[in-house]
Amino acid sequence: MRKINIIYVGGIKAQEKYYQDAVNEYIKRLSPAFKIENIEIKEEQLPEKSGDAEIGVCLKKEGVKILEKTCGSAYKIALCVEGKRLSSENFAALLYGDKAINSQSVDFFIGSSHGLSGEIKKSADYLLSLSDMTFTHRLARVMLTEQIYRAYTIEVGKKYHK
């Protein structure tokens, strides 16, 4: 069974439990093929009026915590705006390609509202963008798990993907 870690910054608020419910549904659907672990990193707190320097310090601290949670031999994919946009078929090819298949796990990184540190992006094997639009990290987790499920259905020939 293949392992996927989704390492993300920031939790889900109690009134937004529906995000976690959606993620859990896709994880359940994927359970025959993947062991998926969601790993939450606490978001660093910034003062109300923060500049680029303060944000950079927080991103660096969050980055250290992310790297502490990743597997050394993982195939690392960072979700970021400057990443490559892929069709679902091409995402499936990435997830089932040799580099990902031959790794101990595939680790996805989702940053806070300020993104990911430069160190995290440099450490990643692949930079992926879900869209040119901006989404909350909570919604990005739902979208990512749905796309992992879609990639699985493409790979095994299920009718989910049309």
N, C-alpha and C. Protein backbone atom coordinates (compact mmCIF):
# COMPACT_ATOMS: atom_id res chain seq x y z
N MET A 1 0.84 -1.19 0.00
CA MET A 1 0.00 0.00 0.00
C MET A 1 0.88 1.24 0.00
N ARG A 2 0.56 2.16 -0.88
CA ARG A 2 1.35 3.39 -0.99
C ARG A 2 0.95 4.39 0.10
N LYS A 3 1.91 5.23 0.48
CA LYS A 3 1.70 6.21 1.54
C LYS A 3 1.72 7.62 0.96
N ILE A 4 0.75 8.41 1.37
CA ILE A 4 0.69 9.83 1.02
C ILE A 4 0.54 10.62 2.31
N ASN A 5 1.38 11.63 2.48
CA ASN A 5 1.26 12.56 3.61
C ASN A 5 0.84 13.92 3.05
N ILE A 6 -0.20 14.49 3.62
CA ILE A 6 -0.59 15.85 3.28
C ILE A 6 -0.24 16.69 4.49
N ILE A 7 0.83 17.46 4.34
CA ILE A 7 1.35 18.28 5.44
C ILE A 7 0.90 19.72 5.17
N TYR A 8 0.10 20.24 6.07
CA TYR A 8 -0.51 21.55 5.82
C TYR A 8 -0.39 22.44 7.05
N VAL A 9 -0.42 23.73 6.80
CA VAL A 9 -0.32 24.72 7.87
C VAL A 9 -1.72 25.24 8.19
N GLY A 10 -2.10 25.18 9.45
CA GLY A 10 -3.40 25.70 9.90
C GLY A 10 -4.46 24.64 9.97
N GLY A 11 -5.31 24.76 10.97
CA GLY A 11 -6.35 23.76 11.19
C GLY A 11 -7.69 24.17 10.61
N ILE A 12 -8.66 23.32 10.88
CA ILE A 12 -10.03 23.57 10.44
C ILE A 12 -10.83 24.06 11.64
N LYS A 13 -11.53 25.15 11.45
CA LYS A 13 -12.35 25.71 12.52
C LYS A 13 -13.58 24.83 12.74
N ALA A 14 -14.08 24.83 13.97
CA ALA A 14 -15.22 23.97 14.33
C ALA A 14 -16.41 24.21 13.41
N GLN A 15 -16.66 25.44 13.03
CA GLN A 15 -17.82 25.74 12.18
C GLN A 15 -17.56 25.38 10.71
N GLU A 16 -16.37 24.92 10.38
CA GLU A 16 -16.04 24.53 9.01
C GLU A 16 -15.70 23.04 8.92
N LYS A 17 -16.37 22.23 9.75
CA LYS A 17 -16.14 20.80 9.80
C LYS A 17 -16.42 20.12 8.46
N TYR A 18 -17.23 20.73 7.63
CA TYR A 18 -17.56 20.16 6.33
C TYR A 18 -16.33 19.96 5.46
N TYR A 19 -15.29 20.78 5.63
CA TYR A 19 -14.05 20.57 4.89
C TYR A 19 -13.44 19.23 5.28
N GLN A 20 -13.35 18.98 6.58
CA GLN A 20 -12.76 17.72 7.05
C GLN A 20 -13.61 16.54 6.63
N ASP A 21 -14.94 16.71 6.65
CA ASP A 21 -15.83 15.63 6.20
C ASP A 21 -15.55 15.26 4.74
N ALA A 22 -15.35 16.27 3.90
CA ALA A 22 -15.06 16.02 2.48
C ALA A 22 -13.72 15.30 2.32
N VAL A 23 -12.69 15.77 3.02
CA VAL A 23 -11.37 15.13 2.97
C VAL A 23 -11.49 13.67 3.41
N ASN A 24 -12.21 13.44 4.51
CA ASN A 24 -12.36 12.08 5.03
C ASN A 24 -13.08 11.16 4.05
N GLU A 25 -14.04 11.69 3.31
CA GLU A 25 -14.75 10.89 2.31
C GLU A 25 -13.79 10.39 1.23
N TYR A 26 -12.93 11.29 0.73
CA TYR A 26 -11.98 10.86 -0.30
C TYR A 26 -10.92 9.91 0.26
N ILE A 27 -10.50 10.15 1.49
CA ILE A 27 -9.54 9.23 2.11
C ILE A 27 -10.15 7.84 2.25
N LYS A 28 -11.42 7.77 2.63
CA LYS A 28 -12.11 6.48 2.74
C LYS A 28 -12.14 5.78 1.37
N ARG A 29 -12.46 6.53 0.32
CA ARG A 29 -12.50 5.95 -1.02
C ARG A 29 -11.14 5.46 -1.48
N LEU A 30 -10.09 6.11 -1.01
CA LEU A 30 -8.72 5.76 -1.41
C LEU A 30 -8.10 4.66 -0.54
N SER A 31 -8.76 4.28 0.53
CA SER A 31 -8.16 3.36 1.51
C SER A 31 -7.71 2.01 0.94
N PRO A 32 -8.32 1.48 -0.13
CA PRO A 32 -7.78 0.23 -0.67
C PRO A 32 -6.38 0.38 -1.29
N ALA A 33 -6.05 1.59 -1.74
CA ALA A 33 -4.80 1.77 -2.48
C ALA A 33 -3.76 2.61 -1.75
N PHE A 34 -4.20 3.50 -0.88
CA PHE A 34 -3.29 4.45 -0.23
C PHE A 34 -3.55 4.54 1.26
N LYS A 35 -2.49 4.74 2.00
CA LYS A 35 -2.60 5.17 3.40
C LYS A 35 -2.31 6.66 3.38
N ILE A 36 -3.33 7.45 3.67
CA ILE A 36 -3.17 8.91 3.61
C ILE A 36 -3.19 9.46 5.03
N GLU A 37 -2.18 10.25 5.33
CA GLU A 37 -2.10 10.88 6.64
C GLU A 37 -2.12 12.39 6.46
N ASN A 38 -3.01 13.04 7.21
CA ASN A 38 -3.07 14.50 7.26
C ASN A 38 -2.25 14.96 8.46
N ILE A 39 -1.29 15.81 8.22
CA ILE A 39 -0.40 16.27 9.28
C ILE A 39 -0.52 17.79 9.36
N GLU A 40 -1.08 18.24 10.48
CA GLU A 40 -1.31 19.67 10.66
C GLU A 40 -0.11 20.33 11.35
N ILE A 41 0.31 21.45 10.78
CA ILE A 41 1.35 22.29 11.37
C ILE A 41 0.67 23.55 11.89
N LYS A 42 0.94 23.92 13.12
CA LYS A 42 0.33 25.13 13.69
C LYS A 42 0.84 26.36 12.94
N GLU A 43 -0.10 27.21 12.56
CA GLU A 43 0.25 28.46 11.86
C GLU A 43 0.87 29.43 12.85
N GLU A 44 1.97 30.05 12.44
CA GLU A 44 2.62 31.06 13.26
C GLU A 44 1.74 32.31 13.33
N GLN A 45 1.65 32.89 14.50
CA GLN A 45 0.81 34.08 14.69
C GLN A 45 1.59 35.35 14.35
N LEU A 46 0.94 36.20 13.59
CA LEU A 46 1.53 37.48 13.20
C LEU A 46 0.79 38.62 13.85
N PRO A 47 1.49 39.72 14.14
CA PRO A 47 0.78 40.91 14.61
C PRO A 47 -0.17 41.41 13.52
N GLU A 48 -1.18 42.18 13.91
CA GLU A 48 -2.18 42.70 12.97
C GLU A 48 -1.54 43.39 11.76
N LYS A 49 -0.57 44.24 12.02
CA LYS A 49 0.10 44.94 10.92
C LYS A 49 1.51 44.37 10.79
N SER A 50 1.66 43.42 9.88
CA SER A 50 2.94 42.76 9.69
C SER A 50 3.49 43.09 8.32
N GLY A 51 4.79 43.26 8.27
CA GLY A 51 5.45 43.51 7.00
C GLY A 51 6.06 42.24 6.44
N ASP A 52 6.73 42.39 5.31
CA ASP A 52 7.35 41.26 4.64
C ASP A 52 8.38 40.54 5.52
N ALA A 53 9.10 41.29 6.33
CA ALA A 53 10.13 40.68 7.18
C ALA A 53 9.51 39.75 8.20
N GLU A 54 8.44 40.21 8.86
CA GLU A 54 7.77 39.37 9.87
C GLU A 54 7.13 38.13 9.21
N ILE A 55 6.54 38.33 8.06
CA ILE A 55 5.94 37.21 7.34
C ILE A 55 7.01 36.20 6.95
N GLY A 56 8.15 36.68 6.48
CA GLY A 56 9.26 35.80 6.11
C GLY A 56 9.74 34.96 7.28
N VAL A 57 9.83 35.57 8.46
CA VAL A 57 10.26 34.83 9.66
C VAL A 57 9.25 33.73 9.98
N CYS A 58 7.97 34.06 9.89
CA CYS A 58 6.93 33.05 10.17
C CYS A 58 6.97 31.92 9.15
N LEU A 59 7.12 32.25 7.89
CA LEU A 59 7.18 31.22 6.85
C LEU A 59 8.37 30.30 7.08
N LYS A 60 9.47 30.89 7.48
CA LYS A 60 10.68 30.08 7.74
C LYS A 60 10.43 29.12 8.91
N LYS A 61 9.79 29.60 9.98
CA LYS A 61 9.48 28.74 11.13
C LYS A 61 8.53 27.62 10.72
N GLU A 62 7.50 27.96 9.95
CA GLU A 62 6.56 26.94 9.48
C GLU A 62 7.27 25.93 8.58
N GLY A 63 8.19 26.42 7.75
CA GLY A 63 8.96 25.55 6.86
C GLY A 63 9.79 24.53 7.62
N VAL A 64 10.41 24.96 8.70
CA VAL A 64 11.20 24.04 9.53
C VAL A 64 10.29 22.94 10.07
N LYS A 65 9.10 23.32 10.53
CA LYS A 65 8.16 22.34 11.07
C LYS A 65 7.68 21.37 9.99
N ILE A 66 7.45 21.89 8.78
CA ILE A 66 7.04 21.03 7.67
C ILE A 66 8.12 20.00 7.38
N LEU A 67 9.37 20.46 7.27
CA LEU A 67 10.46 19.55 6.94
C LEU A 67 10.68 18.50 8.03
N GLU A 68 10.38 18.86 9.28
CA GLU A 68 10.50 17.88 10.37
C GLU A 68 9.49 16.74 10.21
N LYS A 69 8.38 17.01 9.55
CA LYS A 69 7.32 16.01 9.40
C LYS A 69 7.44 15.19 8.11
N THR A 70 8.28 15.61 7.20
CA THR A 70 8.39 14.89 5.93
C THR A 70 9.34 13.72 6.05
N CYS A 71 9.09 12.75 5.24
CA CYS A 71 9.95 11.56 5.18
C CYS A 71 11.16 11.90 4.31
N GLY A 72 12.34 11.53 4.74
CA GLY A 72 13.55 11.87 4.00
C GLY A 72 13.58 11.40 2.56
N SER A 73 13.01 10.22 2.31
CA SER A 73 13.04 9.69 0.95
C SER A 73 11.71 9.87 0.22
N ALA A 74 10.90 10.82 0.70
CA ALA A 74 9.60 11.07 0.07
C ALA A 74 9.78 11.83 -1.24
N TYR A 75 8.81 11.67 -2.12
CA TYR A 75 8.70 12.51 -3.30
C TYR A 75 7.87 13.70 -2.85
N LYS A 76 8.46 14.88 -2.83
CA LYS A 76 7.86 16.05 -2.21
C LYS A 76 7.24 16.97 -3.27
N ILE A 77 5.96 17.29 -3.07
CA ILE A 77 5.22 18.16 -3.99
C ILE A 77 4.68 19.34 -3.19
N ALA A 78 5.13 20.54 -3.54
CA ALA A 78 4.69 21.76 -2.87
C ALA A 78 3.59 22.42 -3.69
N LEU A 79 2.48 22.73 -3.05
CA LEU A 79 1.40 23.45 -3.71
C LEU A 79 1.67 24.94 -3.57
N CYS A 80 1.86 25.61 -4.70
CA CYS A 80 2.16 27.03 -4.67
C CYS A 80 1.73 27.68 -5.98
N VAL A 81 1.53 28.97 -5.93
CA VAL A 81 0.99 29.70 -7.08
C VAL A 81 1.93 29.63 -8.29
N GLU A 82 3.22 29.56 -8.06
CA GLU A 82 4.15 29.52 -9.19
C GLU A 82 4.40 28.12 -9.72
N GLY A 83 3.70 27.15 -9.13
CA GLY A 83 3.83 25.77 -9.59
C GLY A 83 3.18 25.54 -10.94
N LYS A 84 3.37 24.34 -11.45
CA LYS A 84 2.83 23.98 -12.76
C LYS A 84 1.37 23.53 -12.61
N ARG A 85 0.53 23.99 -13.51
CA ARG A 85 -0.87 23.55 -13.55
C ARG A 85 -0.96 22.32 -14.44
N LEU A 86 -1.64 21.30 -13.96
CA LEU A 86 -1.74 20.04 -14.68
C LEU A 86 -3.19 19.67 -14.91
N SER A 87 -3.44 18.96 -16.00
CA SER A 87 -4.75 18.33 -16.18
C SER A 87 -4.82 17.17 -15.19
N SER A 88 -6.01 16.65 -14.98
CA SER A 88 -6.16 15.51 -14.08
C SER A 88 -5.38 14.30 -14.59
N GLU A 89 -5.36 14.10 -15.91
CA GLU A 89 -4.61 13.00 -16.48
C GLU A 89 -3.11 13.16 -16.23
N ASN A 90 -2.61 14.38 -16.39
CA ASN A 90 -1.18 14.61 -16.15
C ASN A 90 -0.84 14.52 -14.66
N PHE A 91 -1.77 14.91 -13.80
CA PHE A 91 -1.56 14.74 -12.36
C PHE A 91 -1.49 13.25 -12.03
N ALA A 92 -2.37 12.45 -12.63
CA ALA A 92 -2.32 11.00 -12.42
C ALA A 92 -0.97 10.44 -12.87
N ALA A 93 -0.48 10.92 -14.01
CA ALA A 93 0.82 10.46 -14.51
C ALA A 93 1.94 10.84 -13.53
N LEU A 94 1.85 12.02 -12.92
CA LEU A 94 2.83 12.45 -11.92
C LEU A 94 2.76 11.54 -10.69
N LEU A 95 1.56 11.29 -10.20
CA LEU A 95 1.36 10.50 -8.99
C LEU A 95 1.73 9.03 -9.18
N TYR A 96 1.60 8.55 -10.40
CA TYR A 96 1.92 7.16 -10.70
C TYR A 96 3.22 7.01 -11.50
N GLY A 97 3.95 8.10 -11.64
CA GLY A 97 5.23 8.05 -12.35
C GLY A 97 6.31 7.39 -11.52
N ASP A 98 7.41 7.07 -12.16
CA ASP A 98 8.52 6.35 -11.51
C ASP A 98 9.02 7.04 -10.26
N LYS A 99 9.19 8.36 -10.31
CA LYS A 99 9.75 9.07 -9.15
C LYS A 99 8.85 8.92 -7.93
N ALA A 100 7.55 9.05 -8.13
CA ALA A 100 6.62 8.93 -7.00
C ALA A 100 6.48 7.48 -6.56
N ILE A 101 6.37 6.58 -7.52
CA ILE A 101 6.19 5.15 -7.21
C ILE A 101 7.39 4.59 -6.45
N ASN A 102 8.60 5.02 -6.81
CA ASN A 102 9.82 4.49 -6.21
C ASN A 102 10.22 5.18 -4.92
N SER A 103 9.42 6.11 -4.45
CA SER A 103 9.69 6.80 -3.18
C SER A 103 8.97 6.12 -2.05
N GLN A 104 9.48 6.33 -0.84
CA GLN A 104 8.86 5.74 0.35
C GLN A 104 7.44 6.29 0.54
N SER A 105 7.24 7.57 0.19
CA SER A 105 5.91 8.19 0.28
C SER A 105 5.89 9.38 -0.66
N VAL A 106 4.69 9.89 -0.87
CA VAL A 106 4.52 11.16 -1.58
C VAL A 106 4.03 12.14 -0.53
N ASP A 107 4.78 13.22 -0.33
CA ASP A 107 4.42 14.24 0.65
C ASP A 107 4.01 15.51 -0.07
N PHE A 108 2.78 15.97 0.20
CA PHE A 108 2.29 17.23 -0.33
C PHE A 108 2.40 18.29 0.75
N PHE A 109 2.81 19.50 0.36
CA PHE A 109 2.94 20.62 1.30
C PHE A 109 1.93 21.70 0.92
N ILE A 110 1.11 22.10 1.88
CA ILE A 110 0.15 23.20 1.69
C ILE A 110 0.47 24.24 2.75
N GLY A 111 0.76 25.45 2.32
CA GLY A 111 1.15 26.52 3.24
C GLY A 111 -0.02 27.25 3.87
N SER A 112 0.33 28.24 4.63
CA SER A 112 -0.67 29.10 5.29
C SER A 112 -1.19 30.13 4.28
N SER A 113 -1.92 31.10 4.78
CA SER A 113 -2.44 32.15 3.90
C SER A 113 -1.31 32.97 3.27
N HIS A 114 -0.12 32.87 3.82
CA HIS A 114 1.04 33.58 3.27
C HIS A 114 1.88 32.69 2.36
N GLY A 115 1.48 31.43 2.20
CA GLY A 115 2.19 30.54 1.30
C GLY A 115 3.21 29.66 2.00
N LEU A 116 4.24 29.32 1.25
CA LEU A 116 5.33 28.46 1.74
C LEU A 116 6.65 29.22 1.66
N SER A 117 7.57 28.86 2.51
CA SER A 117 8.89 29.50 2.48
C SER A 117 9.66 29.07 1.23
N GLY A 118 10.63 29.89 0.87
CA GLY A 118 11.50 29.56 -0.26
C GLY A 118 12.25 28.26 -0.03
N GLU A 119 12.60 27.97 1.21
CA GLU A 119 13.31 26.73 1.53
C GLU A 119 12.45 25.51 1.22
N ILE A 120 11.18 25.60 1.54
CA ILE A 120 10.27 24.48 1.26
C ILE A 120 10.16 24.28 -0.24
N LYS A 121 9.99 25.36 -0.98
CA LYS A 121 9.86 25.25 -2.44
C LYS A 121 11.14 24.67 -3.05
N LYS A 122 12.30 25.06 -2.52
CA LYS A 122 13.56 24.52 -3.04
C LYS A 122 13.73 23.04 -2.69
N SER A 123 13.20 22.63 -1.56
CA SER A 123 13.34 21.24 -1.14
C SER A 123 12.39 20.31 -1.89
N ALA A 124 11.36 20.89 -2.51
CA ALA A 124 10.35 20.08 -3.19
C ALA A 124 10.90 19.51 -4.50
N ASP A 125 10.42 18.33 -4.83
CA ASP A 125 10.77 17.70 -6.11
C ASP A 125 9.90 18.25 -7.23
N TYR A 126 8.74 18.79 -6.86
CA TYR A 126 7.80 19.29 -7.87
C TYR A 126 6.98 20.42 -7.26
N LEU A 127 6.78 21.49 -8.03
CA LEU A 127 5.91 22.59 -7.61
C LEU A 127 4.62 22.48 -8.41
N LEU A 128 3.50 22.42 -7.70
CA LEU A 128 2.20 22.20 -8.31
C LEU A 128 1.27 23.36 -7.95
N SER A 129 0.54 23.84 -8.95
CA SER A 129 -0.49 24.85 -8.72
C SER A 129 -1.84 24.23 -9.02
N LEU A 130 -2.79 24.41 -8.13
CA LEU A 130 -4.14 23.91 -8.37
C LEU A 130 -4.91 24.81 -9.32
N SER A 131 -4.52 26.09 -9.37
CA SER A 131 -5.26 27.05 -10.19
C SER A 131 -4.54 28.39 -10.13
N ASP A 132 -4.91 29.28 -11.03
CA ASP A 132 -4.43 30.66 -10.93
C ASP A 132 -5.19 31.41 -9.83
N MET A 133 -6.32 30.86 -9.42
CA MET A 133 -7.11 31.49 -8.35
C MET A 133 -6.50 31.16 -7.00
N THR A 134 -6.89 31.91 -5.99
CA THR A 134 -6.43 31.69 -4.63
C THR A 134 -7.52 30.98 -3.84
N PHE A 135 -7.13 29.96 -3.08
CA PHE A 135 -8.06 29.20 -2.24
C PHE A 135 -7.51 29.13 -0.83
N THR A 136 -8.39 28.94 0.14
CA THR A 136 -7.93 28.72 1.51
C THR A 136 -7.22 27.37 1.58
N HIS A 137 -6.33 27.20 2.55
CA HIS A 137 -5.65 25.92 2.68
C HIS A 137 -6.64 24.81 3.01
N ARG A 138 -7.73 25.14 3.68
CA ARG A 138 -8.75 24.13 3.99
C ARG A 138 -9.40 23.61 2.70
N LEU A 139 -9.75 24.53 1.80
CA LEU A 139 -10.35 24.11 0.54
C LEU A 139 -9.32 23.43 -0.36
N ALA A 140 -8.09 23.88 -0.31
CA ALA A 140 -7.02 23.24 -1.09
C ALA A 140 -6.86 21.78 -0.70
N ARG A 141 -7.01 21.46 0.58
CA ARG A 141 -6.92 20.06 1.02
C ARG A 141 -8.03 19.23 0.42
N VAL A 142 -9.24 19.78 0.37
CA VAL A 142 -10.36 19.06 -0.24
C VAL A 142 -10.08 18.85 -1.73
N MET A 143 -9.66 19.90 -2.41
CA MET A 143 -9.37 19.80 -3.84
C MET A 143 -8.25 18.80 -4.11
N LEU A 144 -7.21 18.83 -3.30
CA LEU A 144 -6.09 17.91 -3.48
C LEU A 144 -6.53 16.47 -3.28
N THR A 145 -7.26 16.18 -2.20
CA THR A 145 -7.66 14.80 -1.98
C THR A 145 -8.62 14.32 -3.07
N GLU A 146 -9.47 15.21 -3.57
CA GLU A 146 -10.34 14.83 -4.68
C GLU A 146 -9.52 14.49 -5.91
N GLN A 147 -8.49 15.28 -6.19
CA GLN A 147 -7.65 15.02 -7.36
C GLN A 147 -6.81 13.75 -7.19
N ILE A 148 -6.39 13.45 -5.98
CA ILE A 148 -5.70 12.18 -5.73
C ILE A 148 -6.65 11.03 -6.02
N TYR A 149 -7.90 11.16 -5.56
CA TYR A 149 -8.90 10.13 -5.85
C TYR A 149 -9.15 10.02 -7.35
N ARG A 150 -9.27 11.15 -8.01
CA ARG A 150 -9.49 11.15 -9.47
C ARG A 150 -8.31 10.48 -10.18
N ALA A 151 -7.09 10.77 -9.74
CA ALA A 151 -5.90 10.15 -10.33
C ALA A 151 -5.95 8.64 -10.16
N TYR A 152 -6.37 8.21 -8.98
CA TYR A 152 -6.51 6.77 -8.72
C TYR A 152 -7.53 6.15 -9.68
N THR A 153 -8.67 6.81 -9.87
CA THR A 153 -9.70 6.24 -10.76
C THR A 153 -9.22 6.22 -12.21
N ILE A 154 -8.44 7.21 -12.60
CA ILE A 154 -7.85 7.21 -13.94
C ILE A 154 -6.91 6.02 -14.09
N GLU A 155 -6.06 5.82 -13.09
CA GLU A 155 -5.06 4.75 -13.14
C GLU A 155 -5.71 3.36 -13.20
N VAL A 156 -6.77 3.16 -12.43
CA VAL A 156 -7.39 1.82 -12.37
C VAL A 156 -8.56 1.67 -13.34
N GLY A 157 -8.89 2.74 -14.07
CA GLY A 157 -9.94 2.64 -15.10
C GLY A 157 -11.36 2.72 -14.58
N LYS A 158 -11.56 3.30 -13.40
CA LYS A 158 -12.93 3.48 -12.90
C LYS A 158 -13.63 4.59 -13.67
N LYS A 159 -14.94 4.61 -13.64
CA LYS A 159 -15.71 5.56 -14.44
C LYS A 159 -15.87 6.93 -13.79
N TYR A 160 -15.31 7.16 -12.63
CA TYR A 160 -15.44 8.45 -11.94
C TYR A 160 -14.96 9.59 -12.81
N HIS A 161 -13.82 9.41 -13.46
CA HIS A 161 -13.25 10.46 -14.31
C HIS A 161 -13.85 10.37 -15.71
N LYS A 162 -14.39 11.48 -16.17
CA LYS A 162 -15.01 11.50 -17.51
C LYS A 162 -14.31 12.49 -18.40
